[in-house]
Amino acid sequence: MTGPRRSIDELLAEARARLDRVAAEDLAAEQAAGALVVDIRPSERRASDGELPGAVVIDRLVLEWRLDPASPNHIPESGDYERRIIVVCNEGYGSSLAAVTLQDLGLLRATDLIGGYAAWKELHV
């Protein structure tokens, strides 16, 4: 089986074209407006770099199951397909791909943080 081949840069560009991405300086306002911020960084990164205040921590491996309102394993905060969800990784690459996957599940307001935790931390050092 063969199909069209795309580079990761092409895949990332396609994903980001679908997202209304959030700048680090706007994250607090998004949270105040009710957005669910989801930190998908590995525990080692959170331990070494710090926690993201107000974020729910979900392993990337189970992200879709925890956020899909139709999943029996969803977290209580994800019971609404209309809720704004902002996915955060370390630098904003994996979070873009994860956010598009959430959109494919029907969470159409899912997006990610431009520059990831590193961009947020730069503002808060």
Protein backbone atom coordinates (compact mmCIF):
# COMPACT_ATOMS: atom_id res chain seq x y z
CA MET A 1 0.00 0.00 0.00
CA THR A 2 1.41 3.33 -1.00
CA GLY A 3 -0.06 6.77 -0.81
CA PRO A 4 1.07 10.31 -1.16
CA ARG A 5 4.18 11.04 0.82
CA ARG A 6 4.55 14.24 2.77
CA SER A 7 7.39 15.50 4.87
CA ILE A 8 6.82 16.32 8.52
CA ASP A 9 7.18 20.00 7.61
CA GLU A 10 4.32 19.66 5.11
CA LEU A 11 2.19 17.77 7.60
CA LEU A 12 2.86 20.38 10.26
CA ALA A 13 2.02 23.24 7.87
CA GLU A 14 -1.27 21.55 6.94
CA ALA A 15 -2.11 21.06 10.61
CA ARG A 16 -1.33 24.64 11.54
CA ALA A 17 -3.40 25.97 8.65
CA ARG A 18 -6.43 24.47 10.42
CA LEU A 19 -5.66 25.98 13.83
CA ASP A 20 -6.43 29.32 15.44
CA ARG A 21 -3.18 29.16 17.40
CA VAL A 22 -2.72 31.02 20.69
CA ALA A 23 0.23 33.31 21.46
CA ALA A 24 1.91 32.83 24.83
CA GLU A 25 0.95 36.33 25.95
CA ASP A 26 -2.74 35.49 25.35
CA LEU A 27 -2.83 32.20 27.27
CA ALA A 28 -3.98 33.71 30.60
CA ALA A 29 -6.87 35.52 28.91
CA GLU A 30 -7.89 32.30 27.16
CA GLN A 31 -7.86 30.46 30.50
CA ALA A 32 -9.89 33.25 32.12
CA ALA A 33 -12.43 32.91 29.32
CA GLY A 34 -12.83 29.20 30.10
CA ALA A 35 -10.33 27.48 27.83
CA LEU A 36 -9.03 24.12 28.99
CA VAL A 37 -5.24 24.15 28.80
CA VAL A 38 -3.74 20.68 28.41
CA ASP A 39 -0.05 20.07 29.04
CA ILE A 40 1.14 17.01 27.09
CA ARG A 41 4.83 17.34 27.99
CA PRO A 42 6.44 14.21 29.45
CA SER A 43 6.81 14.12 33.23
CA GLU A 44 10.59 14.49 32.89
CA ARG A 45 10.16 17.82 31.06
CA ARG A 46 7.66 19.09 33.61
CA ALA A 47 10.02 18.11 36.42
CA SER A 48 13.02 19.83 34.85
CA ASP A 49 11.34 22.86 33.25
CA GLY A 50 8.40 23.48 35.55
CA GLU A 51 4.64 23.15 35.65
CA LEU A 52 2.19 25.23 33.65
CA PRO A 53 -0.21 26.89 36.13
CA GLY A 54 -3.84 25.94 35.61
CA ALA A 55 -3.11 23.26 33.02
CA VAL A 56 -4.47 19.75 33.12
CA VAL A 57 -1.71 17.21 32.54
CA ILE A 58 -2.54 14.41 30.10
CA ASP A 59 -0.04 12.01 28.55
CA ARG A 60 0.03 12.34 24.78
CA LEU A 61 -0.57 8.61 24.46
CA VAL A 62 -4.06 8.90 25.97
CA LEU A 63 -4.98 12.45 24.94
CA GLU A 64 -7.82 11.53 22.58
CA TRP A 65 -9.43 9.12 25.06
CA ARG A 66 -9.29 11.68 27.88
CA LEU A 67 -10.68 14.59 25.86
CA ASP A 68 -13.28 12.97 23.59
CA PRO A 69 -16.64 13.65 25.29
CA ALA A 70 -17.96 10.39 23.79
CA SER A 71 -15.20 8.31 25.38
CA PRO A 72 -16.05 6.49 28.61
CA ASN A 73 -12.56 7.48 29.76
CA HIS A 74 -12.88 11.24 29.27
CA ILE A 75 -12.00 13.65 32.04
CA PRO A 76 -14.87 15.69 33.52
CA GLU A 77 -13.48 18.94 32.07
CA SER A 78 -13.92 17.63 28.53
CA GLY A 79 -17.63 16.94 28.50
CA ASP A 80 -18.39 19.62 25.91
CA TYR A 81 -17.50 19.53 22.20
CA GLU A 82 -17.72 23.33 22.13
CA ARG A 83 -15.09 23.98 24.79
CA ARG A 84 -11.90 25.72 23.73
CA ILE A 85 -8.94 23.38 24.27
CA ILE A 86 -5.35 24.61 24.07
CA VAL A 87 -2.74 21.86 23.84
CA VAL A 88 0.76 22.67 25.08
CA CYS A 89 3.95 20.72 24.38
CA ASN A 90 7.52 21.89 24.86
CA GLU A 91 8.02 23.97 21.70
CA GLY A 92 4.71 23.87 19.83
CA TYR A 93 5.29 21.13 17.28
CA GLY A 94 3.68 18.01 18.71
CA SER A 95 0.85 20.10 20.12
CA SER A 96 -0.13 21.28 16.63
CA LEU A 97 -0.48 17.69 15.43
CA ALA A 98 -2.35 16.71 18.61
CA ALA A 99 -4.78 19.63 18.30
CA VAL A 100 -5.68 18.65 14.74
CA THR A 101 -6.38 15.11 15.91
CA LEU A 102 -8.74 16.56 18.53
CA GLN A 103 -10.47 18.59 15.81
CA ASP A 104 -10.91 15.37 13.83
CA LEU A 105 -12.77 13.98 16.87
CA GLY A 106 -15.20 16.90 16.70
CA LEU A 107 -13.50 19.21 19.20
CA LEU A 108 -13.42 21.95 16.58
CA ARG A 109 -12.16 24.67 18.92
CA ALA A 110 -9.03 22.70 19.80
CA THR A 111 -5.76 24.47 19.08
CA ASP A 112 -2.27 24.84 20.50
CA LEU A 113 0.15 27.31 22.02
CA ILE A 114 2.61 28.93 19.62
CA GLY A 115 6.12 28.09 20.79
CA GLY A 116 4.78 25.77 23.50
CA TYR A 117 5.83 25.88 27.12
CA ALA A 118 9.19 27.39 26.16
CA ALA A 119 7.45 30.50 24.79
CA TRP A 120 5.22 30.77 27.87
CA LYS A 121 8.20 30.38 30.20
CA GLU A 122 10.15 33.08 28.33
CA LEU A 123 7.41 35.55 29.31
CA HIS A 124 7.39 34.42 32.93
CA VAL A 125 11.08 34.30 33.82
